[in-house]
């Protein structure tokens, strides 16, 4: 039976128009780091076109060798900048840093990922050497569902950062996390569904 990881992990859903507090378990991901505007950066395009071949090769090996099949989850990314207003007000994408993520089930490890990397031709994955397996422990987070174009996320993020999180007696920690539940290649921008997540901790007294 094929496992759908995002359906098994309750933190992979959130209400629209509300800010929910969730506890995200430690999870492992394929990761690729980069910097710059995702719409124009060659590094971003290389990262996207590289992480998927490795992910699908890893999935195929798991099904073939371990008899454990699973669904490759939607693309995710961590985003940060020296000035976080680059996300909420100025939307200065040239200053953004990012880490692309694809979830990997816990029954696979670094040796499996290395074999998958070795099986993928460099011509298919120009950023192959930049891909790694790493565990992310976000813990308590505040999140919401944004429906619409990515460039319209600013008001929701401002409300999360400046209103919802302080009102809950929390403060931001860690990096802004987005989970792209829709395939942007096949979805009208007005219908894109994106999970916006921010790790938090207790506000200092």
C-alpha atoms as a PDB file:
ATOM      1  CA  UNK A   1       0.000   0.000   0.000  1.00  0.00           C
ATOM      2  CA  UNK A   2       1.333   3.417  -0.978  1.00  0.00           C
ATOM      3  CA  UNK A   3       1.921   5.770   1.965  1.00  0.00           C
ATOM      4  CA  UNK A   4       0.911   9.436   1.660  1.00  0.00           C
ATOM      5  CA  UNK A   5       3.109  11.164   4.217  1.00  0.00           C
ATOM      6  CA  UNK A   6       1.339  14.512   4.119  1.00  0.00           C
ATOM      7  CA  UNK A   7      -1.935  12.793   5.086  1.00  0.00           C
ATOM      8  CA  UNK A   8      -0.270  10.973   7.981  1.00  0.00           C
ATOM      9  CA  UNK A   9       1.258  14.144   9.470  1.00  0.00           C
ATOM     10  CA  UNK A  10      -1.496  16.367  10.863  1.00  0.00           C
ATOM     11  CA  UNK A  11       0.693  19.491  10.618  1.00  0.00           C
ATOM     12  CA  UNK A  12       0.392  19.296   6.814  1.00  0.00           C
ATOM     13  CA  UNK A  13      -3.046  20.940   6.905  1.00  0.00           C
ATOM     14  CA  UNK A  14      -4.244  24.305   8.192  1.00  0.00           C
ATOM     15  CA  UNK A  15      -7.413  26.409   8.131  1.00  0.00           C
ATOM     16  CA  UNK A  16      -7.809  29.287   5.709  1.00  0.00           C
ATOM     17  CA  UNK A  17      -8.208  32.682   7.367  1.00  0.00           C
ATOM     18  CA  UNK A  18      -7.139  31.393  10.791  1.00  0.00           C
ATOM     19  CA  UNK A  19      -3.810  30.935  12.543  1.00  0.00           C
ATOM     20  CA  UNK A  20      -3.386  27.514  14.107  1.00  0.00           C
ATOM     21  CA  UNK A  21      -0.747  26.436  16.624  1.00  0.00           C
ATOM     22  CA  UNK A  22       0.684  23.013  15.745  1.00  0.00           C
ATOM     23  CA  UNK A  23       3.495  20.772  16.952  1.00  0.00           C
ATOM     24  CA  UNK A  24       5.559  19.582  13.999  1.00  0.00           C
ATOM     25  CA  UNK A  25       7.542  16.377  14.654  1.00  0.00           C
ATOM     26  CA  UNK A  26      11.194  16.093  13.582  1.00  0.00           C
ATOM     27  CA  UNK A  27      11.182  15.235   9.866  1.00  0.00           C
ATOM     28  CA  UNK A  28      13.887  14.515   7.318  1.00  0.00           C
ATOM     29  CA  UNK A  29      14.109  16.134   3.922  1.00  0.00           C
ATOM     30  CA  UNK A  30      16.136  16.305   0.779  1.00  0.00           C
ATOM     31  CA  UNK A  31      17.497  19.859   0.892  1.00  0.00           C
ATOM     32  CA  UNK A  32      19.106  22.307  -1.536  1.00  0.00           C
ATOM     33  CA  UNK A  33      20.263  25.805  -0.502  1.00  0.00           C
ATOM     34  CA  UNK A  34      20.388  28.946  -2.604  1.00  0.00           C
ATOM     35  CA  UNK A  35      19.918  32.702  -2.817  1.00  0.00           C
ATOM     36  CA  UNK A  36      18.002  35.132  -4.994  1.00  0.00           C
ATOM     37  CA  UNK A  37      14.704  35.723  -6.749  1.00  0.00           C
ATOM     38  CA  UNK A  38      13.057  32.329  -7.395  1.00  0.00           C
ATOM     39  CA  UNK A  39      11.548  33.703 -10.613  1.00  0.00           C
ATOM     40  CA  UNK A  40      14.895  34.619 -12.175  1.00  0.00           C
ATOM     41  CA  UNK A  41      17.691  32.858 -10.259  1.00  0.00           C
ATOM     42  CA  UNK A  42      19.472  30.104 -12.251  1.00  0.00           C
ATOM     43  CA  UNK A  43      20.359  28.494  -8.909  1.00  0.00           C
ATOM     44  CA  UNK A  44      16.674  28.130  -8.053  1.00  0.00           C
ATOM     45  CA  UNK A  45      15.821  26.539 -11.405  1.00  0.00           C
ATOM     46  CA  UNK A  46      18.764  24.155 -11.057  1.00  0.00           C
ATOM     47  CA  UNK A  47      17.670  23.228  -7.530  1.00  0.00           C
ATOM     48  CA  UNK A  48      14.094  22.443  -8.590  1.00  0.00           C
ATOM     49  CA  UNK A  49      15.158  20.421 -11.625  1.00  0.00           C
ATOM     50  CA  UNK A  50      17.655  18.463  -9.505  1.00  0.00           C
ATOM     51  CA  UNK A  51      15.749  17.634  -6.345  1.00  0.00           C
ATOM     52  CA  UNK A  52      12.877  15.869  -8.129  1.00  0.00           C
ATOM     53  CA  UNK A  53      14.955  13.285 -10.058  1.00  0.00           C
ATOM     54  CA  UNK A  54      16.685  12.311  -6.816  1.00  0.00           C
ATOM     55  CA  UNK A  55      13.340  12.131  -4.975  1.00  0.00           C
ATOM     56  CA  UNK A  56      11.711   9.896  -7.597  1.00  0.00           C
ATOM     57  CA  UNK A  57      14.774   7.670  -7.877  1.00  0.00           C
ATOM     58  CA  UNK A  58      14.717   7.262  -4.094  1.00  0.00           C
ATOM     59  CA  UNK A  59      10.992   6.425  -4.156  1.00  0.00           C
ATOM     60  CA  UNK A  60      11.472   3.824  -6.908  1.00  0.00           C
ATOM     61  CA  UNK A  61      14.310   2.165  -5.012  1.00  0.00           C
ATOM     62  CA  UNK A  62      12.213   2.042  -1.835  1.00  0.00           C
ATOM     63  CA  UNK A  63       9.366   0.332  -3.687  1.00  0.00           C
ATOM     64  CA  UNK A  64      11.644  -2.074  -5.585  1.00  0.00           C
ATOM     65  CA  UNK A  65      14.100  -3.013  -2.846  1.00  0.00           C
ATOM     66  CA  UNK A  66      12.076  -2.582   0.354  1.00  0.00           C
ATOM     67  CA  UNK A  67       8.544  -3.117  -0.958  1.00  0.00           C
ATOM     68  CA  UNK A  68       7.592   0.191   0.664  1.00  0.00           C
ATOM     69  CA  UNK A  69       5.980   2.672  -1.698  1.00  0.00           C
ATOM     70  CA  UNK A  70       5.088   6.265  -0.919  1.00  0.00           C
ATOM     71  CA  UNK A  71       3.886   9.421  -2.623  1.00  0.00           C
ATOM     72  CA  UNK A  72       6.489  12.094  -3.341  1.00  0.00           C
ATOM     73  CA  UNK A  73       5.214  15.057  -1.341  1.00  0.00           C
ATOM     74  CA  UNK A  74       4.734  18.637  -2.573  1.00  0.00           C
ATOM     75  CA  UNK A  75       7.713  20.950  -2.826  1.00  0.00           C
ATOM     76  CA  UNK A  76       8.484  23.006   0.282  1.00  0.00           C
ATOM     77  CA  UNK A  77      10.926  25.808   1.052  1.00  0.00           C
ATOM     78  CA  UNK A  78      12.450  27.673   3.947  1.00  0.00           C
ATOM     79  CA  UNK A  79      12.873  31.406   3.305  1.00  0.00           C
ATOM     80  CA  UNK A  80      14.816  34.069   5.176  1.00  0.00           C
ATOM     81  CA  UNK A  81      16.513  37.437   4.717  1.00  0.00           C
ATOM     82  CA  UNK A  82      18.530  39.858   6.817  1.00  0.00           C
ATOM     83  CA  UNK A  83      15.446  42.086   6.925  1.00  0.00           C
ATOM     84  CA  UNK A  84      12.241  40.033   7.174  1.00  0.00           C
ATOM     85  CA  UNK A  85      10.221  42.942   5.764  1.00  0.00           C
ATOM     86  CA  UNK A  86      11.602  41.728   2.432  1.00  0.00           C
ATOM     87  CA  UNK A  87       8.806  39.139   2.646  1.00  0.00           C
ATOM     88  CA  UNK A  88       5.945  41.173   4.074  1.00  0.00           C
ATOM     89  CA  UNK A  89       6.311  44.711   2.712  1.00  0.00           C
ATOM     90  CA  UNK A  90       9.034  45.328   0.144  1.00  0.00           C
ATOM     91  CA  UNK A  91       8.898  41.801  -1.357  1.00  0.00           C
ATOM     92  CA  UNK A  92      12.528  42.304  -2.390  1.00  0.00           C
ATOM     93  CA  UNK A  93      13.072  38.829  -3.815  1.00  0.00           C
ATOM     94  CA  UNK A  94      16.683  39.487  -4.797  1.00  0.00           C
ATOM     95  CA  UNK A  95      17.571  39.503  -1.074  1.00  0.00           C
ATOM     96  CA  UNK A  96      15.884  36.187  -0.276  1.00  0.00           C
ATOM     97  CA  UNK A  97      17.752  33.096   0.879  1.00  0.00           C
ATOM     98  CA  UNK A  98      16.068  29.729   0.514  1.00  0.00           C
ATOM     99  CA  UNK A  99      16.313  26.009   1.117  1.00  0.00           C
ATOM    100  CA  UNK A 100      14.154  23.761  -1.049  1.00  0.00           C
ATOM    101  CA  UNK A 101      12.741  20.698   0.727  1.00  0.00           C
ATOM    102  CA  UNK A 102      11.167  17.367  -0.204  1.00  0.00           C
ATOM    103  CA  UNK A 103      10.045  15.095   2.619  1.00  0.00           C
ATOM    104  CA  UNK A 104      11.729  11.677   2.925  1.00  0.00           C
ATOM    105  CA  UNK A 105      10.168   8.848   5.009  1.00  0.00           C
ATOM    106  CA  UNK A 106      12.020   7.778   8.133  1.00  0.00           C
ATOM    107  CA  UNK A 107      12.658   4.257   6.869  1.00  0.00           C
ATOM    108  CA  UNK A 108      15.183   5.676   4.375  1.00  0.00           C
ATOM    109  CA  UNK A 109      18.591   7.050   5.320  1.00  0.00           C
ATOM    110  CA  UNK A 110      21.682   8.787   4.032  1.00  0.00           C
ATOM    111  CA  UNK A 111      23.011   5.633   2.315  1.00  0.00           C
ATOM    112  CA  UNK A 112      19.775   5.342   0.333  1.00  0.00           C
ATOM    113  CA  UNK A 113      20.020   8.984  -0.701  1.00  0.00           C
ATOM    114  CA  UNK A 114      23.628   8.571  -1.797  1.00  0.00           C
ATOM    115  CA  UNK A 115      22.686   5.605  -3.976  1.00  0.00           C
ATOM    116  CA  UNK A 116      19.861   7.640  -5.504  1.00  0.00           C
ATOM    117  CA  UNK A 117      22.215  10.542  -6.189  1.00  0.00           C
ATOM    118  CA  UNK A 118      24.681   8.192  -7.844  1.00  0.00           C
ATOM    119  CA  UNK A 119      21.938   6.794 -10.067  1.00  0.00           C
ATOM    120  CA  UNK A 120      20.837  10.215 -11.344  1.00  0.00           C
ATOM    121  CA  UNK A 121      22.743  11.548 -14.332  1.00  0.00           C
ATOM    122  CA  UNK A 122      24.258  14.976 -13.816  1.00  0.00           C
ATOM    123  CA  UNK A 123      22.660  16.138 -17.063  1.00  0.00           C
ATOM    124  CA  UNK A 124      19.265  15.665 -15.386  1.00  0.00           C
ATOM    125  CA  UNK A 125      20.314  17.288 -12.103  1.00  0.00           C
ATOM    126  CA  UNK A 126      22.772  20.194 -12.428  1.00  0.00           C
ATOM    127  CA  UNK A 127      22.623  20.871  -8.670  1.00  0.00           C
ATOM    128  CA  UNK A 128      23.198  17.221  -7.740  1.00  0.00           C
ATOM    129  CA  UNK A 129      26.216  17.970  -5.538  1.00  0.00           C
ATOM    130  CA  UNK A 130      24.186  20.482  -3.509  1.00  0.00           C
ATOM    131  CA  UNK A 131      21.500  17.998  -2.472  1.00  0.00           C
ATOM    132  CA  UNK A 132      21.706  16.596   1.053  1.00  0.00           C
ATOM    133  CA  UNK A 133      19.535  14.688   3.530  1.00  0.00           C
ATOM    134  CA  UNK A 134      18.950  16.538   6.781  1.00  0.00           C
ATOM    135  CA  UNK A 135      16.516  16.426   9.695  1.00  0.00           C
ATOM    136  CA  UNK A 136      14.482  19.513  10.536  1.00  0.00           C
ATOM    137  CA  UNK A 137      13.003  19.900  14.030  1.00  0.00           C
ATOM    138  CA  UNK A 138      10.613  22.861  13.951  1.00  0.00           C
ATOM    139  CA  UNK A 139       8.536  21.960  17.007  1.00  0.00           C
ATOM    140  CA  UNK A 140       5.777  24.410  17.836  1.00  0.00           C
ATOM    141  CA  UNK A 141       4.634  26.505  14.874  1.00  0.00           C
ATOM    142  CA  UNK A 142       1.889  28.900  13.853  1.00  0.00           C
ATOM    143  CA  UNK A 143       0.487  28.300  10.396  1.00  0.00           C
ATOM    144  CA  UNK A 144      -2.318  29.205   8.022  1.00  0.00           C
ATOM    145  CA  UNK A 145      -3.522  28.319   4.541  1.00  0.00           C
ATOM    146  CA  UNK A 146      -3.067  30.981   1.866  1.00  0.00           C
ATOM    147  CA  UNK A 147      -5.149  30.669  -1.299  1.00  0.00           C
ATOM    148  CA  UNK A 148      -4.034  32.787  -4.234  1.00  0.00           C
ATOM    149  CA  UNK A 149      -0.858  34.013  -5.958  1.00  0.00           C
ATOM    150  CA  UNK A 150       2.413  33.752  -4.080  1.00  0.00           C
ATOM    151  CA  UNK A 151       2.922  37.514  -4.376  1.00  0.00           C
ATOM    152  CA  UNK A 152      -0.301  38.070  -2.415  1.00  0.00           C
ATOM    153  CA  UNK A 153       1.043  36.381   0.729  1.00  0.00           C
ATOM    154  CA  UNK A 154       2.254  39.675   2.277  1.00  0.00           C
ATOM    155  CA  UNK A 155      -0.913  40.607   4.244  1.00  0.00           C
ATOM    156  CA  UNK A 156      -1.248  37.100   5.716  1.00  0.00           C
ATOM    157  CA  UNK A 157       2.407  37.101   6.749  1.00  0.00           C
ATOM    158  CA  UNK A 158       2.153  40.567   8.302  1.00  0.00           C
ATOM    159  CA  UNK A 159      -0.908  39.458  10.261  1.00  0.00           C
ATOM    160  CA  UNK A 160       0.907  36.309  11.390  1.00  0.00           C
ATOM    161  CA  UNK A 161       4.141  38.056  12.387  1.00  0.00           C
ATOM    162  CA  UNK A 162       2.762  41.217  13.974  1.00  0.00           C
ATOM    163  CA  UNK A 163      -0.694  40.268  15.249  1.00  0.00           C
ATOM    164  CA  UNK A 164      -1.377  36.546  15.669  1.00  0.00           C
ATOM    165  CA  UNK A 165       1.956  35.389  17.094  1.00  0.00           C
ATOM    166  CA  UNK A 166       2.289  38.185  19.719  1.00  0.00           C
ATOM    167  CA  UNK A 167      -1.403  37.787  20.662  1.00  0.00           C
ATOM    168  CA  UNK A 168      -0.716  34.124  21.446  1.00  0.00           C
ATOM    169  CA  UNK A 169       2.132  35.088  23.792  1.00  0.00           C
ATOM    170  CA  UNK A 170       4.711  33.735  21.351  1.00  0.00           C
ATOM    171  CA  UNK A 171       7.644  35.031  19.340  1.00  0.00           C
ATOM    172  CA  UNK A 172       9.142  33.946  16.051  1.00  0.00           C
ATOM    173  CA  UNK A 173      12.127  31.627  15.887  1.00  0.00           C
ATOM    174  CA  UNK A 174      13.562  29.647  13.008  1.00  0.00           C
ATOM    175  CA  UNK A 175      12.803  30.264   9.352  1.00  0.00           C
ATOM    176  CA  UNK A 176       9.627  30.985   7.429  1.00  0.00           C
ATOM    177  CA  UNK A 177       8.379  27.750   5.854  1.00  0.00           C
ATOM    178  CA  UNK A 178       6.086  27.353   2.840  1.00  0.00           C
ATOM    179  CA  UNK A 179       4.487  24.132   1.602  1.00  0.00           C
ATOM    180  CA  UNK A 180       3.202  24.295  -1.974  1.00  0.00           C
ATOM    181  CA  UNK A 181       0.109  22.105  -1.950  1.00  0.00           C
ATOM    182  CA  UNK A 182      -0.755  23.013  -5.563  1.00  0.00           C
ATOM    183  CA  UNK A 183       1.225  22.400  -8.731  1.00  0.00           C
ATOM    184  CA  UNK A 184       1.918  25.916 -10.019  1.00  0.00           C
ATOM    185  CA  UNK A 185       2.367  24.583 -13.552  1.00  0.00           C
ATOM    186  CA  UNK A 186      -1.218  23.326 -13.693  1.00  0.00           C
ATOM    187  CA  UNK A 187      -3.118  25.606 -11.296  1.00  0.00           C
ATOM    188  CA  UNK A 188      -4.657  29.029 -11.859  1.00  0.00           C
ATOM    189  CA  UNK A 189      -2.723  31.483  -9.629  1.00  0.00           C
ATOM    190  CA  UNK A 190      -5.975  32.492  -7.928  1.00  0.00           C
ATOM    191  CA  UNK A 191      -6.446  28.890  -6.773  1.00  0.00           C
ATOM    192  CA  UNK A 192      -2.908  28.120  -5.547  1.00  0.00           C
ATOM    193  CA  UNK A 193      -2.927  26.631  -2.046  1.00  0.00           C
ATOM    194  CA  UNK A 194       0.137  27.344   0.103  1.00  0.00           C
ATOM    195  CA  UNK A 195       0.686  26.425   3.730  1.00  0.00           C
ATOM    196  CA  UNK A 196       2.485  29.281   5.525  1.00  0.00           C
ATOM    197  CA  UNK A 197       4.328  28.118   8.650  1.00  0.00           C
ATOM    198  CA  UNK A 198       6.406  29.980  11.232  1.00  0.00           C
ATOM    199  CA  UNK A 199       8.254  28.254  14.106  1.00  0.00           C
ATOM    200  CA  UNK A 200       7.644  29.958  17.453  1.00  0.00           C
ATOM    201  CA  UNK A 201       8.575  29.833  21.096  1.00  0.00           C
ATOM    202  CA  UNK A 202       7.270  31.483  24.251  1.00  0.00           C
ATOM    203  CA  UNK A 203       7.635  35.252  24.343  1.00  0.00           C
ATOM    204  CA  UNK A 204      10.155  36.437  26.884  1.00  0.00           C
ATOM    205  CA  UNK A 205       8.502  37.863  30.029  1.00  0.00           C
END
